[in-house]
Amino acid sequence: MLFMIHYRPKDGWTEAIAKRATRLFDNWKPPAGFNIKAHYARSDSEGGLVIVEAESPAAIMEATSTFALFYEHNVNPIVEISQAVPIVHRTTQCRDSIA
């Protein structure tokens, strides 16, 4: 299943915390069942966005818990647009069919 993870620094972010978080990331290995598809940093240095394929909520928990002292995470399941558009059409037709 695909997920979009937004992350941003927690309140109280300092240069020392940023250095520690960066060292941690440099040496981190994603857990089993957690495959990073894309990873982007915000240009204002206020966090980033990761697209992952995860086999379970436990894999997401393990990955985000590693950085939980430094970042707030917002995790959302996502659907590829080629799958999403037909779903939107079907649900629109369903709503339109009911008076």
PDB file of N, CA and C in Angstrom:
ATOM      1  N   MET A   1       0.847  -1.172   0.000  1.00  0.00           N
ATOM      2  CA  MET A   1       0.000   0.000   0.000  1.00  0.00           C
ATOM      3  C   MET A   1       0.896   1.241   0.000  1.00  0.00           C
ATOM      4  N   LEU A   2       0.475   2.265  -0.730  1.00  0.00           N
ATOM      5  CA  LEU A   2       1.233   3.507  -0.799  1.00  0.00           C
ATOM      6  C   LEU A   2       0.790   4.495   0.278  1.00  0.00           C
ATOM      7  N   PHE A   3       1.764   5.209   0.816  1.00  0.00           N
ATOM      8  CA  PHE A   3       1.507   6.234   1.821  1.00  0.00           C
ATOM      9  C   PHE A   3       2.318   7.474   1.519  1.00  0.00           C
ATOM     10  N   MET A   4       1.750   8.612   1.870  1.00  0.00           N
ATOM     11  CA  MET A   4       2.443   9.892   1.795  1.00  0.00           C
ATOM     12  C   MET A   4       2.702  10.312   3.244  1.00  0.00           C
ATOM     13  N   ILE A   5       3.953  10.578   3.546  1.00  0.00           N
ATOM     14  CA  ILE A   5       4.317  10.996   4.893  1.00  0.00           C
ATOM     15  C   ILE A   5       4.881  12.411   4.827  1.00  0.00           C
ATOM     16  N   HIS A   6       4.149  13.347   5.436  1.00  0.00           N
ATOM     17  CA  HIS A   6       4.672  14.704   5.599  1.00  0.00           C
ATOM     18  C   HIS A   6       5.356  14.747   6.958  1.00  0.00           C
ATOM     19  N   TYR A   7       6.498  15.375   7.018  1.00  0.00           N
ATOM     20  CA  TYR A   7       7.137  15.545   8.323  1.00  0.00           C
ATOM     21  C   TYR A   7       7.631  16.982   8.451  1.00  0.00           C
ATOM     22  N   ARG A   8       7.629  17.466   9.699  1.00  0.00           N
ATOM     23  CA  ARG A   8       8.121  18.811   9.964  1.00  0.00           C
ATOM     24  C   ARG A   8       8.788  18.820  11.326  1.00  0.00           C
ATOM     25  N   PRO A   9       9.764  19.699  11.513  1.00  0.00           N
ATOM     26  CA  PRO A   9      10.464  19.746  12.797  1.00  0.00           C
ATOM     27  C   PRO A   9       9.513  20.078  13.939  1.00  0.00           C
ATOM     28  N   LYS A  10       9.750  19.464  15.078  1.00  0.00           N
ATOM     29  CA  LYS A  10       8.972  19.772  16.274  1.00  0.00           C
ATOM     30  C   LYS A  10       9.377  21.139  16.808  1.00  0.00           C
ATOM     31  N   ASP A  11       8.510  21.726  17.605  1.00  0.00           N
ATOM     32  CA  ASP A  11       8.825  22.999  18.254  1.00  0.00           C
ATOM     33  C   ASP A  11      10.118  22.851  19.048  1.00  0.00           C
ATOM     34  N   GLY A  12      10.885  23.922  19.108  1.00  0.00           N
ATOM     35  CA  GLY A  12      12.142  23.897  19.838  1.00  0.00           C
ATOM     36  C   GLY A  12      13.321  23.434  18.992  1.00  0.00           C
ATOM     37  N   TRP A  13      13.111  23.357  17.699  1.00  0.00           N
ATOM     38  CA  TRP A  13      14.155  22.924  16.759  1.00  0.00           C
ATOM     39  C   TRP A  13      15.360  23.835  16.903  1.00  0.00           C
ATOM     40  N   THR A  14      16.541  23.255  17.030  1.00  0.00           N
ATOM     41  CA  THR A  14      17.783  24.022  17.149  1.00  0.00           C
ATOM     42  C   THR A  14      18.800  23.481  16.164  1.00  0.00           C
ATOM     43  N   GLU A  15      19.893  24.201  16.022  1.00  0.00           N
ATOM     44  CA  GLU A  15      20.960  23.731  15.138  1.00  0.00           C
ATOM     45  C   GLU A  15      21.516  22.392  15.630  1.00  0.00           C
ATOM     46  N   ALA A  16      21.661  22.231  16.919  1.00  0.00           N
ATOM     47  CA  ALA A  16      22.170  20.974  17.478  1.00  0.00           C
ATOM     48  C   ALA A  16      21.218  19.817  17.181  1.00  0.00           C
ATOM     49  N   ILE A  17      19.926  20.067  17.307  1.00  0.00           N
ATOM     50  CA  ILE A  17      18.936  19.029  17.002  1.00  0.00           C
ATOM     51  C   ILE A  17      18.985  18.692  15.516  1.00  0.00           C
ATOM     52  N   ALA A  18      19.099  19.706  14.669  1.00  0.00           N
ATOM     53  CA  ALA A  18      19.176  19.475  13.220  1.00  0.00           C
ATOM     54  C   ALA A  18      20.397  18.624  12.876  1.00  0.00           C
ATOM     55  N   LYS A  19      21.511  18.897  13.504  1.00  0.00           N
ATOM     56  CA  LYS A  19      22.720  18.106  13.248  1.00  0.00           C
ATOM     57  C   LYS A  19      22.532  16.661  13.696  1.00  0.00           C
ATOM     58  N   ARG A  20      21.919  16.457  14.854  1.00  0.00           N
ATOM     59  CA  ARG A  20      21.679  15.102  15.363  1.00  0.00           C
ATOM     60  C   ARG A  20      20.721  14.352  14.448  1.00  0.00           C
ATOM     61  N   ALA A  21      19.641  15.005  14.022  1.00  0.00           N
ATOM     62  CA  ALA A  21      18.666  14.362  13.137  1.00  0.00           C
ATOM     63  C   ALA A  21      19.312  13.989  11.807  1.00  0.00           C
ATOM     64  N   THR A  22      20.175  14.845  11.289  1.00  0.00           N
ATOM     65  CA  THR A  22      20.849  14.568  10.012  1.00  0.00           C
ATOM     66  C   THR A  22      21.810  13.388  10.149  1.00  0.00           C
ATOM     67  N   ARG A  23      22.567  13.339  11.251  1.00  0.00           N
ATOM     68  CA  ARG A  23      23.472  12.198  11.482  1.00  0.00           C
ATOM     69  C   ARG A  23      22.677  10.895  11.593  1.00  0.00           C
ATOM     70  N   LEU A  24      21.555  10.968  12.281  1.00  0.00           N
ATOM     71  CA  LEU A  24      20.704   9.790  12.410  1.00  0.00           C
ATOM     72  C   LEU A  24      20.224   9.330  11.039  1.00  0.00           C
ATOM     73  N   PHE A  25      19.737  10.263  10.226  1.00  0.00           N
ATOM     74  CA  PHE A  25      19.249   9.901   8.896  1.00  0.00           C
ATOM     75  C   PHE A  25      20.366   9.325   8.032  1.00  0.00           C
ATOM     76  N   ASP A  26      21.554   9.919   8.102  1.00  0.00           N
ATOM     77  CA  ASP A  26      22.691   9.428   7.310  1.00  0.00           C
ATOM     78  C   ASP A  26      23.016   7.966   7.595  1.00  0.00           C
ATOM     79  N   ASN A  27      22.751   7.512   8.800  1.00  0.00           N
ATOM     80  CA  ASN A  27      23.108   6.147   9.213  1.00  0.00           C
ATOM     81  C   ASN A  27      21.914   5.210   9.323  1.00  0.00           C
ATOM     82  N   TRP A  28      20.732   5.689   8.990  1.00  0.00           N
ATOM     83  CA  TRP A  28      19.489   4.926   9.128  1.00  0.00           C
ATOM     84  C   TRP A  28      19.273   4.011   7.947  1.00  0.00           C
ATOM     85  N   LYS A  29      18.738   2.847   8.221  1.00  0.00           N
ATOM     86  CA  LYS A  29      18.316   1.910   7.180  1.00  0.00           C
ATOM     87  C   LYS A  29      16.816   1.684   7.337  1.00  0.00           C
ATOM     88  N   PRO A  30      16.036   1.844   6.264  1.00  0.00           N
ATOM     89  CA  PRO A  30      14.592   1.611   6.362  1.00  0.00           C
ATOM     90  C   PRO A  30      14.301   0.188   6.845  1.00  0.00           C
ATOM     91  N   PRO A  31      13.254   0.015   7.635  1.00  0.00           N
ATOM     92  CA  PRO A  31      12.918  -1.320   8.110  1.00  0.00           C
ATOM     93  C   PRO A  31      12.377  -2.196   6.984  1.00  0.00           C
ATOM     94  N   ALA A  32      12.357  -3.481   7.240  1.00  0.00           N
ATOM     95  CA  ALA A  32      11.771  -4.416   6.276  1.00  0.00           C
ATOM     96  C   ALA A  32      10.321  -4.031   6.023  1.00  0.00           C
ATOM     97  N   GLY A  33       9.910  -4.113   4.766  1.00  0.00           N
ATOM     98  CA  GLY A  33       8.526  -3.800   4.418  1.00  0.00           C
ATOM     99  C   GLY A  33       8.240  -2.326   4.269  1.00  0.00           C
ATOM    100  N   PHE A  34       9.293  -1.492   4.213  1.00  0.00           N
ATOM    101  CA  PHE A  34       9.146  -0.037   4.091  1.00  0.00           C
ATOM    102  C   PHE A  34      10.050   0.407   2.949  1.00  0.00           C
ATOM    103  N   ASN A  35       9.453   0.618   1.777  1.00  0.00           N
ATOM    104  CA  ASN A  35      10.210   0.938   0.567  1.00  0.00           C
ATOM    105  C   ASN A  35       9.969   2.393   0.166  1.00  0.00           C
ATOM    106  N   ILE A  36      11.011   3.198   0.208  1.00  0.00           N
ATOM    107  CA  ILE A  36      10.892   4.613  -0.160  1.00  0.00           C
ATOM    108  C   ILE A  36      10.856   4.743  -1.675  1.00  0.00           C
ATOM    109  N   LYS A  37       9.767   5.335  -2.181  1.00  0.00           N
ATOM    110  CA  LYS A  37       9.594   5.565  -3.616  1.00  0.00           C
ATOM    111  C   LYS A  37      10.122   6.936  -4.033  1.00  0.00           C
ATOM    112  N   ALA A  38       9.941   7.928  -3.172  1.00  0.00           N
ATOM    113  CA  ALA A  38      10.405   9.298  -3.442  1.00  0.00           C
ATOM    114  C   ALA A  38      10.545  10.008  -2.098  1.00  0.00           C
ATOM    115  N   HIS A  39      11.511  10.922  -2.025  1.00  0.00           N
ATOM    116  CA  HIS A  39      11.728  11.676  -0.790  1.00  0.00           C
ATOM    117  C   HIS A  39      12.164  13.083  -1.171  1.00  0.00           C
ATOM    118  N   TYR A  40      11.417  14.071  -0.694  1.00  0.00           N
ATOM    119  CA  TYR A  40      11.675  15.462  -1.034  1.00  0.00           C
ATOM    120  C   TYR A  40      11.789  16.295   0.236  1.00  0.00           C
ATOM    121  N   ALA A  41      12.725  17.220   0.230  1.00  0.00           N
ATOM    122  CA  ALA A  41      12.842  18.191   1.315  1.00  0.00           C
ATOM    123  C   ALA A  41      12.144  19.474   0.882  1.00  0.00           C
ATOM    124  N   ARG A  42      11.481  20.128   1.830  1.00  0.00           N
ATOM    125  CA  ARG A  42      10.885  21.427   1.532  1.00  0.00           C
ATOM    126  C   ARG A  42      12.001  22.453   1.337  1.00  0.00           C
ATOM    127  N   SER A  43      11.820  23.350   0.411  1.00  0.00           N
ATOM    128  CA  SER A  43      12.867  24.336   0.114  1.00  0.00           C
ATOM    129  C   SER A  43      13.038  25.365   1.216  1.00  0.00           C
ATOM    130  N   ASP A  44      12.087  25.448   2.146  1.00  0.00           N
ATOM    131  CA  ASP A  44      12.230  26.367   3.279  1.00  0.00           C
ATOM    132  C   ASP A  44      12.837  25.674   4.498  1.00  0.00           C
ATOM    133  N   SER A  45      13.305  24.447   4.318  1.00  0.00           N
ATOM    134  CA  SER A  45      13.943  23.647   5.373  1.00  0.00           C
ATOM    135  C   SER A  45      13.004  23.317   6.522  1.00  0.00           C
ATOM    136  N   GLU A  46      11.708  23.340   6.272  1.00  0.00           N
ATOM    137  CA  GLU A  46      10.717  23.065   7.314  1.00  0.00           C
ATOM    138  C   GLU A  46      10.130  21.672   7.196  1.00  0.00           C
ATOM    139  N   GLY A  47      10.948  20.705   6.816  1.00  0.00           N
ATOM    140  CA  GLY A  47      10.473  19.335   6.745  1.00  0.00           C
ATOM    141  C   GLY A  47      10.526  18.781   5.350  1.00  0.00           C
ATOM    142  N   GLY A  48       9.651  17.809   5.094  1.00  0.00           N
ATOM    143  CA  GLY A  48       9.674  17.178   3.792  1.00  0.00           C
ATOM    144  C   GLY A  48       8.499  16.253   3.577  1.00  0.00           C
ATOM    145  N   LEU A  49       8.589  15.498   2.494  1.00  0.00           N
ATOM    146  CA  LEU A  49       7.539  14.607   2.034  1.00  0.00           C
ATOM    147  C   LEU A  49       8.192  13.322   1.548  1.00  0.00           C
ATOM    148  N   VAL A  50       7.660  12.199   1.995  1.00  0.00           N
ATOM    149  CA  VAL A  50       8.155  10.895   1.571  1.00  0.00           C
ATOM    150  C   VAL A  50       6.976  10.090   1.034  1.00  0.00           C
ATOM    151  N   ILE A  51       7.165   9.467  -0.115  1.00  0.00           N
ATOM    152  CA  ILE A  51       6.193   8.527  -0.653  1.00  0.00           C
ATOM    153  C   ILE A  51       6.786   7.139  -0.424  1.00  0.00           C
ATOM    154  N   VAL A  52       6.037   6.285   0.270  1.00  0.00           N
ATOM    155  CA  VAL A  52       6.540   4.957   0.587  1.00  0.00           C
ATOM    156  C   VAL A  52       5.518   3.893   0.214  1.00  0.00           C
ATOM    157  N   GLU A  53       6.030   2.713  -0.034  1.00  0.00           N
ATOM    158  CA  GLU A  53       5.180   1.537  -0.126  1.00  0.00           C
ATOM    159  C   GLU A  53       5.464   0.739   1.142  1.00  0.00           C
ATOM    160  N   ALA A  54       4.423   0.511   1.925  1.00  0.00           N
ATOM    161  CA  ALA A  54       4.596  -0.176   3.203  1.00  0.00           C
ATOM    162  C   ALA A  54       3.709  -1.404   3.262  1.00  0.00           C
ATOM    163  N   GLU A  55       4.265  -2.479   3.795  1.00  0.00           N
ATOM    164  CA  GLU A  55       3.521  -3.725   3.906  1.00  0.00           C
ATOM    165  C   GLU A  55       2.577  -3.735   5.098  1.00  0.00           C
ATOM    166  N   SER A  56       2.866  -2.875   6.096  1.00  0.00           N
ATOM    167  CA  SER A  56       2.045  -2.909   7.301  1.00  0.00           C
ATOM    168  C   SER A  56       2.168  -1.593   8.061  1.00  0.00           C
ATOM    169  N   PRO A  57       1.194  -1.311   8.926  1.00  0.00           N
ATOM    170  CA  PRO A  57       1.318  -0.146   9.800  1.00  0.00           C
ATOM    171  C   PRO A  57       2.537  -0.260  10.725  1.00  0.00           C
ATOM    172  N   ALA A  58       2.921  -1.491  11.070  1.00  0.00           N
ATOM    173  CA  ALA A  58       4.087  -1.681  11.939  1.00  0.00           C
ATOM    174  C   ALA A  58       5.364  -1.166  11.277  1.00  0.00           C
ATOM    175  N   ALA A  59       5.490  -1.372   9.961  1.00  0.00           N
ATOM    176  CA  ALA A  59       6.674  -0.875   9.246  1.00  0.00           C
ATOM    177  C   ALA A  59       6.711   0.648   9.266  1.00  0.00           C
ATOM    178  N   ILE A  60       5.555   1.276   9.101  1.00  0.00           N
ATOM    179  CA  ILE A  60       5.492   2.742   9.159  1.00  0.00           C
ATOM    180  C   ILE A  60       5.832   3.221  10.558  1.00  0.00           C
ATOM    181  N   MET A  61       5.301   2.540  11.552  1.00  0.00           N
ATOM    182  CA  MET A  61       5.582   2.919  12.932  1.00  0.00           C
ATOM    183  C   MET A  61       7.070   2.821  13.236  1.00  0.00           C
ATOM    184  N   GLU A  62       7.702   1.754  12.780  1.00  0.00           N
ATOM    185  CA  GLU A  62       9.134   1.599  13.030  1.00  0.00           C
ATOM    186  C   GLU A  62       9.940   2.700  12.351  1.00  0.00           C
ATOM    187  N   ALA A  63       9.585   3.035  11.127  1.00  0.00           N
ATOM    188  CA  ALA A  63      10.322   4.070  10.402  1.00  0.00           C
ATOM    189  C   ALA A  63      10.121   5.445  11.026  1.00  0.00           C
ATOM    190  N   THR A  64       8.892   5.807  11.332  1.00  0.00           N
ATOM    191  CA  THR A  64       8.638   7.143  11.869  1.00  0.00           C
ATOM    192  C   THR A  64       9.060   7.268  13.329  1.00  0.00           C
ATOM    193  N   SER A  65       8.979   6.182  14.083  1.00  0.00           N
ATOM    194  CA  SER A  65       9.385   6.236  15.494  1.00  0.00           C
ATOM    195  C   SER A  65      10.863   6.543  15.646  1.00  0.00           C
ATOM    196  N   THR A  66      11.653   6.132  14.679  1.00  0.00           N
ATOM    197  CA  THR A  66      13.085   6.417  14.719  1.00  0.00           C
ATOM    198  C   THR A  66      13.340   7.910  14.812  1.00  0.00           C
ATOM    199  N   PHE A  67      12.484   8.699  14.170  1.00  0.00           N
ATOM    200  CA  PHE A  67      12.678  10.146  14.093  1.00  0.00           C
ATOM    201  C   PHE A  67      11.660  10.933  14.924  1.00  0.00           C
ATOM    202  N   ALA A  68      10.902  10.240  15.758  1.00  0.00           N
ATOM    203  CA  ALA A  68       9.796  10.870  16.491  1.00  0.00           C
ATOM    204  C   ALA A  68      10.245  11.956  17.469  1.00  0.00           C
ATOM    205  N   LEU A  69      11.457  11.885  17.967  1.00  0.00           N
ATOM    206  CA  LEU A  69      11.938  12.933  18.875  1.00  0.00           C
ATOM    207  C   LEU A  69      12.174  14.254  18.151  1.00  0.00           C
ATOM    208  N   PHE A  70      12.365  14.181  16.833  1.00  0.00           N
ATOM    209  CA  PHE A  70      12.757  15.352  16.060  1.00  0.00           C
ATOM    210  C   PHE A  70      11.647  15.924  15.179  1.00  0.00           C
ATOM    211  N   TYR A  71      10.778  15.037  14.662  1.00  0.00           N
ATOM    212  CA  TYR A  71       9.782  15.456  13.670  1.00  0.00           C
ATOM    213  C   TYR A  71       8.373  15.006  14.054  1.00  0.00           C
ATOM    214  N   GLU A  72       7.395  15.817  13.652  1.00  0.00           N
ATOM    215  CA  GLU A  72       5.995  15.416  13.673  1.00  0.00           C
ATOM    216  C   GLU A  72       5.697  14.792  12.313  1.00  0.00           C
ATOM    217  N   HIS A  73       4.976  13.687  12.310  1.00  0.00           N
ATOM    218  CA  HIS A  73       4.666  12.975  11.071  1.00  0.00           C
ATOM    219  C   HIS A  73       3.162  12.953  10.835  1.00  0.00           C
ATOM    220  N   ASN A  74       2.786  13.138   9.592  1.00  0.00           N
ATOM    221  CA  ASN A  74       1.397  13.004   9.169  1.00  0.00           C
ATOM    222  C   ASN A  74       1.395  11.957   8.056  1.00  0.00           C
ATOM    223  N   VAL A  75       0.784  10.815   8.311  1.00  0.00           N
ATOM    224  CA  VAL A  75       0.810   9.680   7.392  1.00  0.00           C
ATOM    225  C   VAL A  75      -0.576   9.493   6.775  1.00  0.00           C
ATOM    226  N   ASN A  76      -0.625   9.461   5.438  1.00  0.00           N
ATOM    227  CA  ASN A  76      -1.897   9.278   4.725  1.00  0.00           C
ATOM    228  C   ASN A  76      -1.747   8.219   3.646  1.00  0.00           C
ATOM    229  N   PRO A  77      -2.715   7.289   3.545  1.00  0.00           N
ATOM    230  CA  PRO A  77      -2.706   6.376   2.406  1.00  0.00           C
ATOM    231  C   PRO A  77      -3.000   7.169   1.135  1.00  0.00           C
ATOM    232  N   ILE A  78      -2.386   6.754   0.042  1.00  0.00           N
ATOM    233  CA  ILE A  78      -2.608   7.440  -1.230  1.00  0.00           C
ATOM    234  C   ILE A  78      -2.906   6.417  -2.325  1.00  0.00           C
ATOM    235  N   VAL A  79      -3.521   6.904  -3.404  1.00  0.00           N
ATOM    236  CA  VAL A  79      -3.909   6.070  -4.541  1.00  0.00           C
ATOM    237  C   VAL A  79      -3.342   6.716  -5.800  1.00  0.00           C
ATOM    238  N   GLU A  80      -2.754   5.894  -6.664  1.00  0.00           N
ATOM    239  CA  GLU A  80      -2.251   6.416  -7.935  1.00  0.00           C
ATOM    240  C   GLU A  80      -3.410   6.994  -8.740  1.00  0.00           C
ATOM    241  N   ILE A  81      -3.132   8.068  -9.464  1.00  0.00           N
ATOM    242  CA  ILE A  81      -4.189   8.806 -10.168  1.00  0.00           C
ATOM    243  C   ILE A  81      -4.925   7.915 -11.171  1.00  0.00           C
ATOM    244  N   SER A  82      -4.219   6.963 -11.785  1.00  0.00           N
ATOM    245  CA  SER A  82      -4.874   6.068 -12.745  1.00  0.00           C
ATOM    246  C   SER A  82      -5.924   5.188 -12.071  1.00  0.00           C
ATOM    247  N   GLN A  83      -5.792   4.956 -10.786  1.00  0.00           N
ATOM    248  CA  GLN A  83      -6.802   4.218 -10.035  1.00  0.00           C
ATOM    249  C   GLN A  83      -7.832   5.166  -9.423  1.00  0.00           C
ATOM    250  N   ALA A  84      -7.399   6.365  -9.052  1.00  0.00           N
ATOM    251  CA  ALA A  84      -8.274   7.307  -8.364  1.00  0.00           C
ATOM    252  C   ALA A  84      -9.382   7.848  -9.267  1.00  0.00           C
ATOM    253  N   VAL A  85      -9.053   8.183 -10.508  1.00  0.00           N
ATOM    254  CA  VAL A  85     -10.041   8.792 -11.401  1.00  0.00           C
ATOM    255  C   VAL A  85     -11.237   7.868 -11.635  1.00  0.00           C
ATOM    256  N   PRO A  86     -11.039   6.585 -11.951  1.00  0.00           N
ATOM    257  CA  PRO A  86     -12.212   5.711 -12.102  1.00  0.00           C
ATOM    258  C   PRO A  86     -13.044   5.599 -10.816  1.00  0.00           C
ATOM    259  N   ILE A  87     -12.405   5.620  -9.673  1.00  0.00           N
ATOM    260  CA  ILE A  87     -13.141   5.582  -8.406  1.00  0.00           C
ATOM    261  C   ILE A  87     -13.999   6.828  -8.262  1.00  0.00           C
ATOM    262  N   VAL A  88     -13.434   7.972  -8.582  1.00  0.00           N
ATOM    263  CA  VAL A  88     -14.197   9.226  -8.503  1.00  0.00           C
ATOM    264  C   VAL A  88     -15.394   9.169  -9.454  1.00  0.00           C
ATOM    265  N   HIS A  89     -15.184   8.649 -10.662  1.00  0.00           N
ATOM    266  CA  HIS A  89     -16.299   8.533 -11.608  1.00  0.00           C
ATOM    267  C   HIS A  89     -17.401   7.620 -11.059  1.00  0.00           C
ATOM    268  N   ARG A  90     -17.023   6.470 -10.506  1.00  0.00           N
ATOM    269  CA  ARG A  90     -18.019   5.543  -9.968  1.00  0.00           C
ATOM    270  C   ARG A  90     -18.778   6.147  -8.802  1.00  0.00           C
ATOM    271  N   THR A  91     -18.079   6.807  -7.906  1.00  0.00           N
ATOM    272  CA  THR A  91     -18.766   7.386  -6.735  1.00  0.00           C
ATOM    273  C   THR A  91     -19.642   8.569  -7.132  1.00  0.00           C
ATOM    274  N   THR A  92     -19.232   9.318  -8.147  1.00  0.00           N
ATOM    275  CA  THR A  92     -20.062  10.409  -8.643  1.00  0.00           C
ATOM    276  C   THR A  92     -21.336   9.842  -9.266  1.00  0.00           C
ATOM    277  N   GLN A  93     -21.208   8.788 -10.048  1.00  0.00           N
ATOM    278  CA  GLN A  93     -22.380   8.159 -10.645  1.00  0.00           C
ATOM    279  C   GLN A  93     -23.321   7.621  -9.575  1.00  0.00           C
ATOM    280  N   CYS A  94     -22.764   7.073  -8.534  1.00  0.00           N
ATOM    281  CA  CYS A  94     -23.593   6.555  -7.429  1.00  0.00           C
ATOM    282  C   CYS A  94     -24.379   7.688  -6.792  1.00  0.00           C
ATOM    283  N   ARG A  95     -23.710   8.800  -6.494  1.00  0.00           N
ATOM    284  CA  ARG A  95     -24.414   9.939  -5.894  1.00  0.00           C
ATOM    285  C   ARG A  95     -25.478  10.503  -6.821  1.00  0.00           C
ATOM    286  N   ASP A  96     -25.110  10.603  -8.119  1.00  0.00           N
ATOM    287  CA  ASP A  96     -26.056  11.150  -9.101  1.00  0.00           C
ATOM    288  C   ASP A  96     -27.272  10.271  -9.286  1.00  0.00           C
ATOM    289  N   SER A  97     -27.138   8.960  -9.025  1.00  0.00           N
ATOM    290  CA  SER A  97     -28.259   8.049  -9.238  1.00  0.00           C
ATOM    291  C   SER A  97     -29.296   8.077  -8.116  1.00  0.00           C
ATOM    292  N   ILE A  98     -28.946   8.743  -7.034  1.00  0.00           N
ATOM    293  CA  ILE A  98     -29.847   8.806  -5.877  1.00  0.00           C
ATOM    294  C   ILE A  98     -30.423  10.206  -5.773  1.00  0.00           C
ATOM    295  N   ALA A  99     -31.751  10.272  -5.815  1.00  0.00           N
ATOM    296  CA  ALA A  99     -32.424  11.580  -5.771  1.00  0.00           C
ATOM    297  C   ALA A  99     -32.497  12.138  -4.381  1.00  0.00           C
TER     298      ALA A  99
END
